[in-house]
Amino acid sequence: MRRHLFRYGLALLALGCGAGSPAGGGTGGVPGSGGAAAGTGGLSGSGSGGDAAGSGGAAGTGGAPGAGGTGGAVDAGSDAPMDGGRDASPCPAGVAVCEDFEKYAPGATDLTPDWLTYTYGGGTIKVDASKAFKGSKSLHMTTPAGGRKYADIVKQNPRDQPLLPNRHYGRAMVWLTATPATVHWNINHAAGPLASDPNVFAKYAQGGQVGVLEPGYLTRAWVGDGLTPLRGGGPQDDDPNTPAVDCALAARTQTVPLKKWVCWEWMFDASANALQLWIDTVQQTEIDVANRAVGGCVSGGPRIWQGPRAFTKMVIGWEQYTSPSEVPQEAWIDDLMVGDKRIGCPLPP
């Protein structure tokens, strides 16, 4: 997106603490090359794939809580965080996804069966022992300057098999070296089929653009069968279709800190058409998306961000697109969790 313009049931895969395999994940696979040349994708894992995400889009203006049509606070009364992994267990009870990257060898690029890895436009992704929030390893992502550069890890299911709760919370410790001046960037996405048309998916994303935070929303037809070819969260040069809906809501002042570990928490609620973000426990109210028409949209706006029937795919990493980035990016992710309750931030190591 651009400025100037997920009762899931017990069908969750038993993914806990980094174990389990996403449907469509398989074993073996085609090792990625560490980074594909622009216009080609690279993957490590099964070779199964997923949706593409959007292009275009006009960023809306961030609204103060309750401001008509330009944001609005989401009721967070039930969002008291869990212990965030502060006790001796690295994975609190009830989380669906729990990953600290400690079980992988330093330099690993193949994270199957737990994750598919996806790169595009020269992005690279590997397990790194040089920087970790706690423990000894984290996930390291790089992208060169320019547009449409991706370095992601992906979990996905067939479109009739929920992966995450319809209302879910995520938490990751994130280190960013830069937020490019104009490029649209994202950290996390979740998507699934619309109830009204299973051949079309809806995607929620959290990221930013033009120096401020900016969540995004789009709907578009699946590329392939929704699993193959593997896709990250952003648009590619060979996309066969364009989004039917493509919206964003830009903050007025709220940003993400750089060159330090940041606790990045999000909530996606498909049933309530709602998104929230917290940074270091502070709710980013300028970009709250509630069940109301918000944002600026390529296809006109503002409009309600209609959630999917179920979240069948999640993507986390670093993605940049729309305008070319003027700087290369290095980013790290550690202590990733997703569950049906707010997880909270871990204590410093």
Protein backbone atom coordinates (compact mmCIF):
# COMPACT_ATOMS: atom_id res chain seq x y z
CA MET A 1 0.00 0.00 0.00
CA ARG A 2 1.06 3.33 -0.59
CA ARG A 3 0.85 6.78 0.56
CA HIS A 4 0.27 9.71 -2.21
CA LEU A 5 -2.16 7.28 -2.80
CA PHE A 6 -7.28 -14.33 10.19
CA ARG A 7 -14.53 -20.37 15.68
CA TYR A 8 -11.19 -21.56 14.24
CA GLY A 9 -11.51 -24.89 15.89
CA LEU A 10 -9.22 -27.57 16.84
CA ALA A 11 -8.22 -27.92 13.24
CA LEU A 12 -5.03 -26.08 14.11
CA LEU A 13 -2.00 -28.10 13.32
CA ALA A 14 -0.07 -28.99 16.46
CA LEU A 15 2.56 -26.43 15.70
CA GLY A 16 3.63 -25.62 19.23
CA CYS A 17 7.16 -24.63 20.09
CA GLY A 18 8.41 -24.75 16.57
CA ALA A 19 7.26 -28.30 15.98
CA GLY A 20 4.82 -29.50 13.39
CA SER A 21 4.54 -29.16 9.68
CA PRO A 22 2.30 -26.81 7.77
CA ALA A 23 0.02 -28.61 5.37
CA GLY A 24 1.53 -28.34 1.97
CA GLY A 25 4.93 -28.23 3.65
CA GLY A 26 6.22 -31.68 2.79
CA THR A 27 9.79 -32.68 3.21
CA GLY A 28 12.91 -32.34 1.18
CA GLY A 29 12.30 -29.77 -1.48
CA VAL A 30 14.31 -27.43 -3.57
CA PRO A 31 16.91 -25.49 -1.63
CA GLY A 32 16.76 -21.81 -2.39
CA SER A 33 19.75 -20.03 -3.69
CA GLY A 34 19.81 -17.69 -0.73
CA GLY A 35 18.48 -14.91 -2.91
CA ALA A 36 16.82 -14.82 -6.25
CA ALA A 37 17.59 -12.34 -8.94
CA ALA A 38 14.98 -9.68 -9.38
CA GLY A 39 11.85 -11.09 -10.92
CA THR A 40 12.47 -14.65 -9.74
CA GLY A 41 11.55 -16.36 -6.49
CA GLY A 42 13.68 -18.63 -4.34
CA LEU A 43 12.53 -21.10 -1.72
CA SER A 44 13.89 -23.61 0.71
CA GLY A 45 11.55 -26.42 1.74
CA SER A 46 8.80 -28.27 0.01
CA GLY A 47 8.27 -26.24 -3.09
CA SER A 48 4.62 -25.74 -2.23
CA GLY A 49 3.39 -22.22 -2.35
CA GLY A 50 0.77 -19.66 -1.53
CA ASP A 51 -0.83 -16.37 -2.27
CA ALA A 52 0.58 -13.26 -3.67
CA ALA A 53 -0.20 -9.97 -2.10
CA GLY A 54 -1.06 -6.61 -3.37
CA SER A 55 0.25 -3.76 -5.29
CA GLY A 56 -0.83 -0.20 -5.61
CA GLY A 57 -2.90 1.32 -2.85
CA ALA A 58 -3.26 4.72 -1.34
CA ALA A 59 -2.39 5.17 2.27
CA GLY A 60 -5.09 6.71 4.39
CA THR A 61 -4.47 9.12 7.16
CA GLY A 62 -4.19 7.79 10.68
CA GLY A 63 -7.10 8.64 12.90
CA ALA A 64 -7.11 9.42 16.55
CA PRO A 65 -9.08 6.88 18.57
CA GLY A 66 -12.69 7.29 17.71
CA ALA A 67 -12.09 9.70 14.85
CA GLY A 68 -14.84 9.10 12.36
CA GLY A 69 -13.71 7.00 9.44
CA THR A 70 -9.98 7.47 9.94
CA GLY A 71 -8.97 4.88 12.52
CA GLY A 72 -10.76 4.42 15.81
CA ALA A 73 -9.77 2.52 18.93
CA VAL A 74 -10.49 -1.18 19.22
CA ASP A 75 -11.82 -2.37 22.58
CA ALA A 76 -8.76 -3.88 24.23
CA GLY A 77 -10.51 -4.80 27.47
CA SER A 78 -9.90 -8.53 26.92
CA ASP A 79 -6.35 -8.02 25.71
CA ALA A 80 -4.43 -8.33 28.96
CA PRO A 81 -1.18 -10.04 27.96
CA MET A 82 -0.05 -13.47 29.05
CA ASP A 83 3.37 -13.83 30.69
CA GLY A 84 5.14 -13.57 27.34
CA GLY A 85 7.41 -16.50 28.06
CA ARG A 86 8.75 -14.84 31.20
CA ASP A 87 8.66 -18.06 33.24
CA ALA A 88 11.09 -20.99 32.80
CA SER A 89 9.13 -22.34 29.83
CA PRO A 90 9.97 -20.73 26.48
CA CYS A 91 6.44 -21.44 25.20
CA PRO A 92 3.44 -20.35 27.30
CA ALA A 93 0.49 -22.75 27.42
CA GLY A 94 -1.98 -22.32 24.60
CA VAL A 95 0.25 -20.84 21.93
CA ALA A 96 -0.17 -22.22 18.42
CA VAL A 97 3.20 -21.11 17.05
CA CYS A 98 6.37 -20.85 19.11
CA GLU A 99 9.80 -20.38 17.53
CA ASP A 100 13.13 -19.23 18.97
CA PHE A 101 15.38 -20.64 16.18
CA GLU A 102 17.66 -22.35 18.74
CA LYS A 103 17.28 -25.85 17.22
CA TYR A 104 18.71 -24.86 13.85
CA ALA A 105 22.39 -24.83 12.92
CA PRO A 106 23.97 -21.41 12.43
CA GLY A 107 23.70 -20.47 8.76
CA ALA A 108 20.70 -22.76 8.12
CA THR A 109 18.45 -21.64 5.30
CA ASP A 110 16.15 -24.72 5.21
CA LEU A 111 13.79 -24.62 8.20
CA THR A 112 11.47 -27.46 7.14
CA PRO A 113 9.29 -29.06 8.27
CA ASP A 114 8.28 -26.15 10.47
CA TRP A 115 8.69 -23.31 8.00
CA LEU A 116 8.98 -22.66 4.29
CA THR A 117 11.51 -19.99 3.47
CA TYR A 118 10.90 -17.59 0.62
CA THR A 119 13.14 -14.99 -1.01
CA TYR A 120 12.62 -12.70 -3.97
CA GLY A 121 14.58 -9.95 -5.64
CA GLY A 122 17.90 -10.75 -3.99
CA GLY A 123 16.66 -11.21 -0.43
CA THR A 124 18.45 -13.68 1.86
CA ILE A 125 17.38 -15.46 5.02
CA LYS A 126 19.35 -17.63 7.44
CA VAL A 127 19.70 -18.57 11.09
CA ASP A 128 22.29 -16.32 12.68
CA ALA A 129 24.44 -16.80 15.79
CA SER A 130 25.80 -13.24 15.84
CA LYS A 131 22.72 -11.50 17.27
CA ALA A 132 19.91 -12.88 19.43
CA PHE A 133 17.42 -11.34 21.81
CA LYS A 134 17.97 -14.30 24.12
CA GLY A 135 19.57 -17.69 23.67
CA SER A 136 22.21 -17.79 20.96
CA LYS A 137 20.37 -17.55 17.62
CA SER A 138 17.84 -15.56 15.68
CA LEU A 139 16.58 -15.30 12.10
CA HIS A 140 18.60 -12.89 9.95
CA MET A 141 17.11 -11.30 6.81
CA THR A 142 18.73 -9.04 4.24
CA THR A 143 17.43 -7.27 1.16
CA PRO A 144 19.29 -5.01 -1.29
CA ALA A 145 18.21 -1.51 -2.16
CA GLY A 146 15.38 -1.30 -4.67
CA GLY A 147 11.76 -2.41 -4.86
CA ARG A 148 10.09 -5.82 -4.45
CA LYS A 149 12.73 -7.43 -2.24
CA TYR A 150 11.53 -10.17 0.14
CA ALA A 151 12.98 -12.46 2.83
CA ASP A 152 10.22 -14.46 4.59
CA ILE A 153 9.33 -17.56 6.52
CA VAL A 154 5.90 -19.01 5.79
CA LYS A 155 3.36 -21.41 7.28
CA GLN A 156 0.37 -22.34 5.13
CA ASN A 157 -2.54 -24.75 4.83
CA PRO A 158 -4.97 -25.56 2.04
CA ARG A 159 -7.68 -22.95 1.97
CA ASP A 160 -10.22 -25.27 3.73
CA GLN A 161 -7.91 -25.92 6.74
CA PRO A 162 -7.51 -23.10 9.30
CA LEU A 163 -3.98 -22.45 10.49
CA LEU A 164 -4.52 -19.76 13.11
CA PRO A 165 -7.46 -18.63 15.27
CA ASN A 166 -9.79 -16.17 13.62
CA ARG A 167 -8.84 -13.79 16.42
CA HIS A 168 -5.16 -14.27 17.12
CA TYR A 169 -2.27 -12.43 18.68
CA GLY A 170 1.37 -12.53 17.66
CA ARG A 171 4.59 -11.41 19.26
CA ALA A 172 8.09 -11.21 17.83
CA MET A 173 11.24 -9.51 18.93
CA VAL A 174 12.40 -7.48 15.93
CA TRP A 175 15.60 -5.57 15.13
CA LEU A 176 15.55 -3.25 12.12
CA THR A 177 18.53 -1.31 10.84
CA ALA A 178 16.43 1.08 8.77
CA THR A 179 12.96 2.01 7.63
CA PRO A 180 13.34 3.29 4.06
CA ALA A 181 12.06 6.76 3.29
CA THR A 182 9.44 5.90 0.66
CA VAL A 183 9.21 2.13 0.24
CA HIS A 184 6.25 0.21 1.68
CA TRP A 185 7.52 -2.45 4.10
CA ASN A 186 5.87 -5.21 6.12
CA ILE A 187 6.90 -7.47 9.02
CA ASN A 188 3.92 -9.85 9.30
CA HIS A 189 0.95 -10.95 7.21
CA ALA A 190 -1.96 -13.39 7.63
CA ALA A 191 -4.42 -14.39 4.91
CA GLY A 192 -7.23 -16.76 4.02
CA PRO A 193 -10.27 -17.21 1.75
CA LEU A 194 -13.22 -14.88 1.90
CA ALA A 195 -16.49 -16.44 3.07
CA SER A 196 -18.26 -14.89 0.12
CA ASP A 197 -15.83 -16.30 -2.46
CA PRO A 198 -13.25 -19.02 -1.59
CA ASN A 199 -11.43 -18.23 -4.81
CA VAL A 200 -10.48 -14.83 -3.39
CA PHE A 201 -8.33 -14.30 -0.31
CA ALA A 202 -8.17 -11.43 2.16
CA LYS A 203 -4.88 -10.41 3.76
CA TYR A 204 -4.04 -8.34 6.84
CA ALA A 205 -0.50 -6.93 7.25
CA GLN A 206 1.45 -4.81 9.72
CA GLY A 207 4.34 -2.64 8.59
CA GLY A 208 4.91 0.92 7.49
CA GLN A 209 5.75 3.45 4.82
CA VAL A 210 7.24 6.92 4.55
CA GLY A 211 8.75 6.73 8.04
CA VAL A 212 5.53 5.88 9.91
CA LEU A 213 3.55 2.75 10.77
CA GLU A 214 0.97 1.58 8.23
CA PRO A 215 -1.18 -1.58 8.33
CA GLY A 216 -2.53 -2.90 5.05
CA TYR A 217 -5.45 -4.85 3.66
CA LEU A 218 -6.19 -6.39 0.28
CA THR A 219 -8.32 -8.96 -1.48
CA ARG A 220 -7.37 -10.72 -4.69
CA ALA A 221 -7.72 -14.03 -6.54
CA TRP A 222 -5.33 -16.80 -5.48
CA VAL A 223 -2.24 -17.35 -7.57
CA GLY A 224 -2.22 -21.04 -8.57
CA ASP A 225 -4.07 -23.27 -6.11
CA GLY A 226 -3.18 -21.05 -3.18
CA LEU A 227 -0.26 -23.31 -2.21
CA THR A 228 1.78 -23.52 -5.38
CA PRO A 229 3.69 -21.51 -6.42
CA LEU A 230 5.01 -20.39 -3.06
CA ARG A 231 4.54 -16.70 -2.46
CA GLY A 232 5.40 -14.30 0.28
CA GLY A 233 3.15 -11.41 1.19
CA GLY A 234 3.97 -8.80 -1.43
CA PRO A 235 3.49 -8.28 -5.15
CA GLN A 236 5.80 -9.82 -7.77
CA ASP A 237 6.67 -8.73 -11.25
CA ASP A 238 4.86 -11.70 -12.84
CA ASP A 239 1.57 -11.35 -10.95
CA PRO A 240 -1.31 -12.54 -13.16
CA ASN A 241 -3.92 -10.39 -11.47
CA THR A 242 -4.33 -7.20 -9.50
CA PRO A 243 -6.02 -6.75 -6.12
CA ALA A 244 -9.75 -6.17 -6.11
CA VAL A 245 -9.31 -4.17 -2.89
CA ASP A 246 -6.05 -2.62 -1.74
CA CYS A 247 -6.06 -0.32 1.32
CA ALA A 248 -3.73 1.17 3.92
CA LEU A 249 -4.02 3.32 7.04
CA ALA A 250 -0.98 5.48 7.73
CA ALA A 251 -0.12 6.72 11.20
CA ARG A 252 0.33 10.45 11.65
CA THR A 253 3.28 10.25 14.05
CA GLN A 254 3.83 6.67 15.29
CA THR A 255 7.02 4.90 14.18
CA VAL A 256 9.13 1.83 15.03
CA PRO A 257 12.47 2.28 16.87
CA LEU A 258 15.60 1.26 14.97
CA LYS A 259 18.85 -0.52 15.81
CA LYS A 260 17.52 -2.11 18.99
CA TRP A 261 15.35 -5.09 19.94
CA VAL A 262 11.69 -4.09 19.77
CA CYS A 263 8.71 -6.10 21.02
CA TRP A 264 6.34 -6.17 18.01
CA GLU A 265 2.84 -7.41 19.02
CA TRP A 266 -0.19 -7.64 16.79
CA MET A 267 -3.82 -8.73 16.83
CA PHE A 268 -5.79 -9.81 13.75
CA ASP A 269 -9.52 -10.47 14.17
CA ALA A 270 -11.21 -11.72 10.99
CA SER A 271 -14.66 -11.89 12.56
CA ALA A 272 -14.55 -8.31 13.82
CA ASN A 273 -12.63 -6.89 10.85
CA ALA A 274 -10.04 -5.51 13.26
CA LEU A 275 -6.26 -5.05 13.52
CA GLN A 276 -4.11 -3.73 16.36
CA LEU A 277 -0.38 -3.23 16.95
CA TRP A 278 1.66 -2.70 20.12
CA ILE A 279 5.33 -1.73 20.22
CA ASP A 280 7.12 -2.36 23.50
CA THR A 281 3.67 -2.85 25.11
CA VAL A 282 2.35 0.53 23.88
CA GLN A 283 -0.77 0.34 21.72
CA GLN A 284 -0.34 2.19 18.43
CA THR A 285 -3.74 3.84 18.47
CA GLU A 286 -3.29 5.88 15.31
CA ILE A 287 -3.46 2.68 13.25
CA ASP A 288 -6.21 0.79 15.09
CA VAL A 289 -8.56 -0.72 12.53
CA ALA A 290 -12.03 -1.52 13.88
CA ASN A 291 -15.17 -2.65 12.10
CA ARG A 292 -15.59 0.62 10.26
CA ALA A 293 -14.58 2.10 6.97
CA VAL A 294 -10.99 3.36 7.20
CA GLY A 295 -7.93 4.02 5.11
CA GLY A 296 -7.21 5.02 1.59
CA CYS A 297 -7.79 2.41 -1.09
CA VAL A 298 -6.78 2.02 -4.72
CA SER A 299 -10.33 0.97 -5.53
CA GLY A 300 -11.75 3.89 -3.58
CA GLY A 301 -12.14 4.31 0.13
CA PRO A 302 -12.36 4.33 3.01
CA ARG A 303 -13.94 0.89 3.43
CA ILE A 304 -14.39 -1.93 6.00
CA TRP A 305 -11.46 -4.37 6.01
CA GLN A 306 -13.52 -7.57 5.64
CA GLY A 307 -11.61 -10.47 7.23
CA PRO A 308 -11.21 -13.95 5.73
CA ARG A 309 -13.40 -16.92 6.64
CA ALA A 310 -10.29 -18.45 8.28
CA PHE A 311 -6.60 -17.63 8.40
CA THR A 312 -4.82 -20.34 6.41
CA LYS A 313 -1.44 -18.66 5.90
CA MET A 314 1.02 -16.58 7.86
CA VAL A 315 4.15 -14.81 6.64
CA ILE A 316 6.78 -13.10 8.76
CA GLY A 317 10.04 -11.49 7.72
CA TRP A 318 11.02 -8.34 5.84
CA GLU A 319 9.32 -7.21 2.65
CA GLN A 320 9.66 -3.95 0.73
CA TYR A 321 7.82 -2.88 -2.40
CA THR A 322 5.99 -0.10 -4.23
CA SER A 323 8.75 2.53 -4.44
CA PRO A 324 12.37 1.40 -4.65
CA SER A 325 14.18 1.51 -1.31
CA GLU A 326 17.17 3.80 -1.20
CA VAL A 327 18.98 1.62 1.37
CA PRO A 328 19.73 -2.08 1.84
CA GLN A 329 18.11 -3.69 4.87
CA GLU A 330 19.28 -5.98 7.61
CA ALA A 331 16.69 -7.27 10.06
CA TRP A 332 16.53 -9.93 12.76
CA ILE A 333 13.55 -11.76 14.32
CA ASP A 334 13.59 -13.81 17.53
CA ASP A 335 11.15 -15.25 20.11
CA LEU A 336 8.15 -15.53 17.78
CA MET A 337 4.80 -16.69 19.22
CA VAL A 338 1.19 -16.73 18.00
CA GLY A 339 -1.87 -17.72 20.06
CA ASP A 340 -5.49 -16.93 20.81
CA LYS A 341 -4.62 -14.56 23.68
CA ARG A 342 -2.30 -11.63 23.85
CA ILE A 343 1.16 -12.98 24.72
CA GLY A 344 2.99 -9.94 25.98
CA CYS A 345 6.66 -9.03 25.86
CA PRO A 346 9.48 -11.11 27.35
CA LEU A 347 11.76 -9.83 30.07
CA PRO A 348 15.19 -8.74 28.87
CA PRO A 349 17.71 -11.61 28.92
